[in-house]
């Protein structure tokens, strides 16, 4: 919509060439996980998916929600990152991956948050939950409330860490577990980066966590950080039922295919080996870098054209784009646009919405839309022009 858009004289105009939808070898992108998804953070466009809405145990990816609630509690001044949490028996007895907390220890909240996300401390999750909500059950209720609030429609939490809860009186019964989908986890990750990018990356991008006061040093469980420099998060997970899981984020720097820096977010669930979850993630990220490009298709205040109320030259309305629109496209896709105008009637005020431009792919996937607005006021017509308006057909 640069030059050709200046002569828009009909209500609906279809631009760009229509070509057959290309067939991508998507079955080769992720060969190892049961479910996966890749999204562009800014636009939310799904760039790849594989059974993204199948409900599965999410293991320690649950800690992403625990982490989010801790960040928001700090931002809301409910708690302070330097608050000291005294470790009790309930915290210290938690099994599985651990921050090795001991009864009687006093640890700042921010260190528990690091232990939660970097070394996947199940014990740290309970310490955080009890500090923020005084009670683990109340914290879980808050987790579920937040999930609904941000659109995680297929997610339910039973604890802050993702450990399966077995019925000791009936060992053969299936355990209670945190359940989610690849799509819901990507929704959670996008929300975290949209709202708290600096707070998230300050912890999830640490390759090694060291706390000299506790004599604790351990590598981040996310091996992607040591493989791809642009990766800066997010969280690993594993239980026998969930398999090996990973939620990951990567910056793609501005280059000939990308007009500005962008971020992609991915999730893989249910791989049968930790190396295979890494292979799946690396393959998905390569797909993001090699097969997609990003561009700004229209600028804020870009001229769309001009219209004249009742074809009266003195009543000229200058039409511009209300905002900028950025899209991500597969390199084999073509971008199409559709422009629709409203009937323009006198008077017109600057900023009035007079139409819309919709952008979509060859196969009809909507990538975004931008309002067309008036760049000027047209409200001071002469007596003669007002008479023309009344009688002009």
Protein backbone atom coordinates (compact mmCIF):
# COMPACT_ATOMS: atom_id res chain seq x y z
CA UNK A 1 0.00 0.00 0.00
CA UNK A 2 2.58 2.60 -1.08
CA UNK A 3 1.91 4.19 -4.51
CA UNK A 4 -1.06 2.34 -5.97
CA UNK A 5 -3.22 3.10 -2.95
CA UNK A 6 -3.63 6.77 -3.92
CA UNK A 7 -6.33 6.05 -6.51
CA UNK A 8 -8.81 4.09 -4.45
CA UNK A 9 -12.20 4.91 -6.04
CA UNK A 10 -14.26 1.85 -5.17
CA UNK A 11 -15.45 0.45 -1.88
CA UNK A 12 -13.49 -2.81 -1.98
CA UNK A 13 -10.13 -3.40 -3.65
CA UNK A 14 -8.23 -6.67 -3.69
CA UNK A 15 -4.47 -6.30 -4.07
CA UNK A 16 -1.61 -8.72 -4.82
CA UNK A 17 -1.42 -11.88 -6.87
CA UNK A 18 -3.11 -15.10 -5.91
CA UNK A 19 -0.82 -18.13 -6.06
CA UNK A 20 -1.39 -21.74 -4.97
CA UNK A 21 -0.63 -22.40 -1.31
CA UNK A 22 2.86 -23.91 -1.00
CA UNK A 23 3.27 -27.26 0.67
CA UNK A 24 5.84 -27.20 3.45
CA UNK A 25 7.55 -30.31 4.83
CA UNK A 26 6.17 -29.56 8.28
CA UNK A 27 6.20 -33.23 9.24
CA UNK A 28 10.00 -32.99 9.31
CA UNK A 29 10.18 -29.95 11.58
CA UNK A 30 9.45 -31.76 14.86
CA UNK A 31 9.91 -35.53 14.77
CA UNK A 32 10.39 -36.10 18.49
CA UNK A 33 7.69 -34.53 20.67
CA UNK A 34 4.02 -35.40 21.06
CA UNK A 35 2.86 -31.80 20.92
CA UNK A 36 4.60 -28.59 19.94
CA UNK A 37 4.02 -25.03 18.84
CA UNK A 38 5.99 -22.01 17.66
CA UNK A 39 4.60 -18.46 17.76
CA UNK A 40 5.82 -14.98 16.94
CA UNK A 41 5.68 -13.00 20.18
CA UNK A 42 4.66 -9.60 18.82
CA UNK A 43 1.94 -10.70 16.42
CA UNK A 44 0.95 -13.96 18.12
CA UNK A 45 0.96 -15.70 14.74
CA UNK A 46 1.38 -19.48 14.95
CA UNK A 47 4.36 -20.37 12.74
CA UNK A 48 4.25 -24.10 13.40
CA UNK A 49 2.15 -26.51 15.42
CA UNK A 50 1.72 -30.21 16.07
CA UNK A 51 -1.28 -31.34 18.14
CA UNK A 52 -1.14 -28.02 20.01
CA UNK A 53 -4.49 -28.43 21.80
CA UNK A 54 -4.10 -31.96 23.17
CA UNK A 55 -4.15 -31.86 26.97
CA UNK A 56 -1.02 -33.31 28.55
CA UNK A 57 0.81 -33.21 31.89
CA UNK A 58 3.15 -30.22 31.86
CA UNK A 59 5.54 -31.23 34.67
CA UNK A 60 7.86 -28.38 35.70
CA UNK A 61 6.62 -26.05 32.99
CA UNK A 62 4.06 -25.39 35.75
CA UNK A 63 6.75 -23.29 37.43
CA UNK A 64 6.36 -20.66 34.73
CA UNK A 65 3.01 -19.75 36.29
CA UNK A 66 4.51 -19.82 39.78
CA UNK A 67 7.25 -17.50 38.52
CA UNK A 68 4.73 -15.16 36.87
CA UNK A 69 2.69 -14.86 40.04
CA UNK A 70 5.85 -14.11 42.03
CA UNK A 71 6.84 -11.37 39.56
CA UNK A 72 3.38 -9.82 39.72
CA UNK A 73 3.28 -10.01 43.50
CA UNK A 74 6.56 -8.05 43.55
CA UNK A 75 5.29 -5.54 40.99
CA UNK A 76 2.08 -5.07 43.00
CA UNK A 77 4.10 -4.47 46.20
CA UNK A 78 2.53 -7.50 47.90
CA UNK A 79 6.00 -8.83 48.59
CA UNK A 80 9.58 -7.66 48.19
CA UNK A 81 12.26 -9.57 46.27
CA UNK A 82 14.51 -9.31 49.31
CA UNK A 83 11.93 -10.74 51.71
CA UNK A 84 13.49 -13.51 53.79
CA UNK A 85 11.69 -16.87 53.74
CA UNK A 86 12.44 -19.27 56.57
CA UNK A 87 12.42 -22.85 55.34
CA UNK A 88 10.05 -25.14 57.23
CA UNK A 89 9.45 -28.90 57.06
CA UNK A 90 6.78 -28.58 54.37
CA UNK A 91 9.24 -26.82 52.10
CA UNK A 92 12.29 -28.96 52.84
CA UNK A 93 10.57 -32.33 52.42
CA UNK A 94 9.53 -31.80 48.77
CA UNK A 95 11.01 -34.46 46.50
CA UNK A 96 12.28 -34.43 42.93
CA UNK A 97 14.46 -31.72 41.38
CA UNK A 98 15.60 -29.58 44.25
CA UNK A 99 17.21 -26.35 45.39
CA UNK A 100 18.36 -28.38 48.41
CA UNK A 101 16.60 -26.22 50.99
CA UNK A 102 17.05 -27.25 54.62
CA UNK A 103 14.82 -26.68 57.62
CA UNK A 104 15.72 -23.44 59.36
CA UNK A 105 17.48 -21.87 56.39
CA UNK A 106 16.63 -18.27 55.59
CA UNK A 107 16.60 -17.46 51.88
CA UNK A 108 15.57 -14.27 50.04
CA UNK A 109 12.54 -14.56 47.77
CA UNK A 110 14.55 -13.58 44.67
CA UNK A 111 16.94 -16.50 45.29
CA UNK A 112 14.00 -18.89 45.53
CA UNK A 113 12.79 -17.52 42.19
CA UNK A 114 16.19 -18.26 40.66
CA UNK A 115 16.21 -21.72 42.21
CA UNK A 116 12.71 -22.25 40.80
CA UNK A 117 13.48 -21.38 37.18
CA UNK A 118 17.16 -22.18 36.73
CA UNK A 119 17.54 -25.46 38.61
CA UNK A 120 13.81 -26.32 38.73
CA UNK A 121 13.59 -26.49 42.50
CA UNK A 122 10.33 -28.13 43.56
CA UNK A 123 11.08 -27.07 47.13
CA UNK A 124 11.58 -23.45 46.01
CA UNK A 125 8.09 -23.46 44.48
CA UNK A 126 6.49 -24.32 47.82
CA UNK A 127 8.52 -21.63 49.58
CA UNK A 128 7.33 -19.04 47.08
CA UNK A 129 3.71 -20.19 47.30
CA UNK A 130 3.60 -20.09 51.08
CA UNK A 131 5.25 -16.69 51.23
CA UNK A 132 2.89 -15.03 48.75
CA UNK A 133 -0.40 -16.67 49.73
CA UNK A 134 0.46 -18.10 53.19
CA UNK A 135 -1.03 -21.37 52.00
CA UNK A 136 -0.21 -23.65 49.05
CA UNK A 137 -3.90 -24.28 48.29
CA UNK A 138 -4.63 -20.56 48.04
CA UNK A 139 -1.66 -20.14 45.74
CA UNK A 140 -2.91 -22.89 43.42
CA UNK A 141 -6.29 -21.14 43.28
CA UNK A 142 -4.46 -18.00 42.23
CA UNK A 143 -2.60 -19.96 39.53
CA UNK A 144 -5.86 -21.24 38.07
CA UNK A 145 -7.45 -17.79 38.25
CA UNK A 146 -4.51 -16.26 36.39
CA UNK A 147 -4.63 -19.01 33.76
CA UNK A 148 -8.27 -18.18 32.97
CA UNK A 149 -7.54 -14.46 32.99
CA UNK A 150 -4.87 -14.70 30.27
CA UNK A 151 -6.73 -17.17 28.07
CA UNK A 152 -5.27 -20.56 29.03
CA UNK A 153 -8.54 -22.34 28.33
CA UNK A 154 -7.29 -25.94 28.64
CA UNK A 155 -5.14 -25.64 31.76
CA UNK A 156 -5.62 -26.73 35.35
CA UNK A 157 -3.15 -26.66 38.24
CA UNK A 158 -3.10 -28.79 41.39
CA UNK A 159 0.25 -27.60 42.77
CA UNK A 160 2.97 -24.97 42.14
CA UNK A 161 5.64 -27.33 40.74
CA UNK A 162 4.10 -29.98 38.48
CA UNK A 163 4.87 -33.03 40.59
CA UNK A 164 2.25 -35.78 40.25
CA UNK A 165 0.13 -36.26 43.39
CA UNK A 166 -0.49 -39.94 44.09
CA UNK A 167 -3.29 -41.37 46.18
CA UNK A 168 -1.45 -43.28 48.89
CA UNK A 169 -4.56 -45.29 49.77
CA UNK A 170 -4.90 -46.39 46.14
CA UNK A 171 -1.41 -46.57 44.57
CA UNK A 172 -2.79 -47.89 41.27
CA UNK A 173 -5.02 -44.86 40.75
CA UNK A 174 -3.71 -42.29 38.23
CA UNK A 175 -2.11 -39.31 39.96
CA UNK A 176 -3.50 -35.80 40.00
CA UNK A 177 -1.35 -33.61 37.76
CA UNK A 178 -1.10 -30.15 36.33
CA UNK A 179 -2.56 -30.31 32.84
CA UNK A 180 -2.14 -27.98 29.88
CA UNK A 181 -1.53 -27.82 26.14
CA UNK A 182 1.34 -26.57 23.99
CA UNK A 183 -0.85 -23.65 22.87
CA UNK A 184 -1.76 -22.65 26.42
CA UNK A 185 1.87 -22.73 27.53
CA UNK A 186 2.84 -20.51 24.59
CA UNK A 187 0.04 -18.15 25.68
CA UNK A 188 1.56 -18.04 29.17
CA UNK A 189 5.06 -17.42 27.81
CA UNK A 190 3.84 -14.66 25.50
CA UNK A 191 2.07 -12.97 28.41
CA UNK A 192 5.25 -13.14 30.48
CA UNK A 193 7.38 -11.56 27.75
CA UNK A 194 4.74 -9.02 26.73
CA UNK A 195 4.48 -7.70 30.27
CA UNK A 196 7.65 -8.58 32.18
CA UNK A 197 10.42 -9.24 29.65
CA UNK A 198 13.26 -7.75 31.71
CA UNK A 199 12.24 -9.54 34.90
CA UNK A 200 11.90 -12.86 33.08
CA UNK A 201 15.15 -12.73 31.12
CA UNK A 202 17.18 -11.55 34.10
CA UNK A 203 16.70 -15.07 35.48
CA UNK A 204 15.85 -17.43 32.62
CA UNK A 205 18.90 -16.33 30.58
CA UNK A 206 21.39 -17.38 33.30
CA UNK A 207 23.39 -20.38 32.09
CA UNK A 208 24.68 -21.13 35.58
CA UNK A 209 23.24 -20.27 38.96
CA UNK A 210 25.57 -19.70 41.88
CA UNK A 211 24.67 -18.81 45.46
CA UNK A 212 27.95 -18.71 47.45
CA UNK A 213 26.15 -18.14 50.76
CA UNK A 214 24.48 -21.53 50.35
CA UNK A 215 27.46 -23.17 48.66
CA UNK A 216 25.20 -23.85 45.69
CA UNK A 217 26.29 -23.94 42.03
CA UNK A 218 24.35 -25.61 39.21
CA UNK A 219 23.87 -25.24 35.47
CA UNK A 220 20.55 -24.14 34.07
CA UNK A 221 18.46 -27.18 33.16
CA UNK A 222 17.76 -25.52 29.78
CA UNK A 223 20.60 -26.85 27.61
CA UNK A 224 19.45 -24.68 24.68
CA UNK A 225 21.12 -21.72 26.37
CA UNK A 226 24.51 -23.36 25.78
CA UNK A 227 23.72 -24.32 22.18
CA UNK A 228 22.07 -21.23 20.66
CA UNK A 229 23.35 -17.84 21.90
CA UNK A 230 20.09 -16.05 20.97
CA UNK A 231 18.03 -18.31 23.26
CA UNK A 232 17.16 -16.63 26.58
CA UNK A 233 14.59 -18.91 28.24
CA UNK A 234 12.38 -20.36 29.44
CA UNK A 235 11.82 -23.65 31.36
CA UNK A 236 12.33 -27.40 31.23
CA UNK A 237 10.08 -30.11 32.64
CA UNK A 238 10.04 -33.85 33.15
CA UNK A 239 7.95 -36.53 34.83
CA UNK A 240 7.33 -40.10 33.76
CA UNK A 241 3.84 -39.25 32.51
CA UNK A 242 4.72 -35.90 30.93
CA UNK A 243 7.94 -36.98 29.26
CA UNK A 244 10.60 -34.38 28.50
CA UNK A 245 9.13 -30.91 27.98
CA UNK A 246 10.57 -27.50 27.17
CA UNK A 247 9.30 -23.98 26.69
CA UNK A 248 11.85 -21.78 24.95
CA UNK A 249 12.34 -18.26 23.62
CA UNK A 250 14.76 -16.83 21.08
CA UNK A 251 15.55 -13.39 19.71
CA UNK A 252 15.93 -13.13 15.92
CA UNK A 253 18.01 -10.10 15.11
CA UNK A 254 17.29 -7.54 12.42
CA UNK A 255 18.70 -8.64 9.07
CA UNK A 256 17.84 -8.75 5.37
CA UNK A 257 14.79 -10.90 6.13
CA UNK A 258 13.67 -9.04 9.24
CA UNK A 259 13.03 -5.31 9.37
CA UNK A 260 13.46 -5.28 13.14
CA UNK A 261 14.43 -7.55 16.03
CA UNK A 262 11.76 -10.06 16.89
CA UNK A 263 11.20 -12.93 19.31
CA UNK A 264 9.76 -16.38 18.81
CA UNK A 265 8.36 -18.61 21.55
CA UNK A 266 8.16 -22.39 21.32
CA UNK A 267 6.92 -25.35 23.34
CA UNK A 268 7.61 -29.08 23.00
CA UNK A 269 5.81 -31.67 25.14
CA UNK A 270 6.23 -35.41 25.60
CA UNK A 271 9.63 -36.21 24.10
CA UNK A 272 10.98 -39.56 25.29
CA UNK A 273 14.54 -38.33 25.97
CA UNK A 274 16.06 -35.04 27.06
CA UNK A 275 18.25 -34.95 23.95
CA UNK A 276 15.20 -35.42 21.74
CA UNK A 277 13.40 -32.46 23.29
CA UNK A 278 16.47 -30.38 22.46
CA UNK A 279 16.56 -31.74 18.91
CA UNK A 280 12.88 -30.89 18.48
CA UNK A 281 13.40 -27.37 19.83
CA UNK A 282 16.48 -26.72 17.67
CA UNK A 283 14.64 -27.90 14.56
CA UNK A 284 11.66 -25.66 15.34
CA UNK A 285 13.93 -22.65 15.92
CA UNK A 286 15.78 -23.30 12.66
CA UNK A 287 12.38 -23.31 10.96
CA UNK A 288 11.67 -19.89 12.50
CA UNK A 289 14.97 -18.40 11.33
CA UNK A 290 15.24 -19.92 7.85
CA UNK A 291 11.66 -20.07 6.61
CA UNK A 292 10.11 -16.81 7.85
CA UNK A 293 10.59 -13.11 7.27
CA UNK A 294 9.10 -10.07 8.94
CA UNK A 295 8.15 -6.70 7.52
CA UNK A 296 6.20 -3.56 8.25
CA UNK A 297 3.48 -3.52 5.60
CA UNK A 298 2.13 -0.07 6.41
CA UNK A 299 3.36 2.86 8.48
CA UNK A 300 1.41 5.03 10.90
CA UNK A 301 -0.02 8.07 9.05
CA UNK A 302 0.92 6.58 5.66
CA UNK A 303 -1.14 8.13 2.89
CA UNK A 304 -3.86 5.80 1.60
CA UNK A 305 -5.52 8.25 -0.77
CA UNK A 306 -8.10 11.04 -0.94
CA UNK A 307 -11.86 11.14 -1.25
CA UNK A 308 -14.27 13.97 -1.91
CA UNK A 309 -17.58 14.23 -0.11
CA UNK A 310 -20.33 14.18 -2.78
CA UNK A 311 -17.50 14.64 -5.35
CA UNK A 312 -17.08 18.24 -4.25
CA UNK A 313 -13.44 19.34 -4.72
CA UNK A 314 -13.55 21.72 -1.74
CA UNK A 315 -14.56 18.86 0.57
CA UNK A 316 -11.37 16.80 0.33
CA UNK A 317 -10.78 14.06 2.91
CA UNK A 318 -7.18 12.87 3.25
CA UNK A 319 -7.04 9.19 4.22
CA UNK A 320 -4.15 7.74 6.24
CA UNK A 321 -3.32 4.60 8.21
CA UNK A 322 -4.21 4.88 11.89
CA UNK A 323 -1.21 2.84 13.00
CA UNK A 324 1.73 0.70 11.88
CA UNK A 325 1.24 -2.96 11.03
CA UNK A 326 4.01 -5.54 11.25
CA UNK A 327 3.59 -9.09 9.94
CA UNK A 328 5.54 -12.34 9.82
CA UNK A 329 5.33 -14.40 6.64
CA UNK A 330 6.67 -17.70 5.45
CA UNK A 331 9.09 -16.90 2.64
CA UNK A 332 6.92 -18.88 0.23
CA UNK A 333 3.71 -17.07 1.19
CA UNK A 334 2.31 -14.04 -0.61
CA UNK A 335 0.66 -11.16 1.19
CA UNK A 336 -2.79 -10.00 0.09
CA UNK A 337 -4.78 -7.01 1.26
CA UNK A 338 -8.39 -5.92 1.15
CA UNK A 339 -9.45 -2.30 1.53
CA UNK A 340 -13.02 -1.44 2.52
CA UNK A 341 -14.42 2.08 2.91
CA UNK A 342 -17.48 3.36 4.70
CA UNK A 343 -19.76 5.87 3.03
CA UNK A 344 -18.22 9.25 3.89
CA UNK A 345 -20.75 11.87 4.98
CA UNK A 346 -20.34 15.49 6.01
CA UNK A 347 -18.97 16.58 8.45
CA UNK A 348 -15.71 14.65 8.98
CA UNK A 349 -13.43 15.09 11.97
CA UNK A 350 -9.71 14.34 12.04
CA UNK A 351 -9.28 10.79 13.32
CA UNK A 352 -12.70 9.54 12.18
CA UNK A 353 -12.50 5.89 11.10
CA UNK A 354 -13.56 5.75 7.45
CA UNK A 355 -12.40 2.30 6.43
CA UNK A 356 -10.16 -0.66 7.13
CA UNK A 357 -7.32 -2.53 5.44
CA UNK A 358 -7.09 -6.27 6.15
CA UNK A 359 -3.95 -8.25 5.39
CA UNK A 360 -3.96 -12.00 4.88
CA UNK A 361 -2.03 -14.88 3.31
CA UNK A 362 -2.69 -16.88 0.14
CA UNK A 363 -4.84 -19.33 2.04
CA UNK A 364 -6.91 -16.66 3.79
CA UNK A 365 -5.23 -16.51 7.20
CA UNK A 366 -5.79 -13.02 8.60
CA UNK A 367 -2.50 -11.43 9.69
CA UNK A 368 -3.90 -8.14 10.90
CA UNK A 369 -5.91 -5.07 10.06
CA UNK A 370 -5.47 -1.31 10.28
CA UNK A 371 -8.13 1.38 10.40
CA UNK A 372 -8.17 4.05 7.71
CA UNK A 373 -8.76 7.46 9.31
CA UNK A 374 -9.20 11.03 8.24
CA UNK A 375 -6.06 13.17 8.52
CA UNK A 376 -8.05 16.41 8.44
CA UNK A 377 -11.27 18.09 9.51
CA UNK A 378 -13.90 18.71 6.84
CA UNK A 379 -16.52 20.66 8.76
CA UNK A 380 -16.44 24.19 7.45
CA UNK A 381 -18.31 23.95 4.14
CA UNK A 382 -19.55 27.09 2.42
CA UNK A 383 -23.26 27.76 2.00
CA UNK A 384 -23.04 26.76 -1.65
CA UNK A 385 -21.33 23.48 -0.80
CA UNK A 386 -23.86 22.74 1.92
CA UNK A 387 -26.62 23.19 -0.66
CA UNK A 388 -24.74 20.82 -3.02
CA UNK A 389 -24.48 18.25 -0.21
CA UNK A 390 -28.25 18.40 0.33
CA UNK A 391 -29.19 18.00 -3.32
CA UNK A 392 -26.28 16.01 -4.81
CA UNK A 393 -27.21 12.43 -5.60
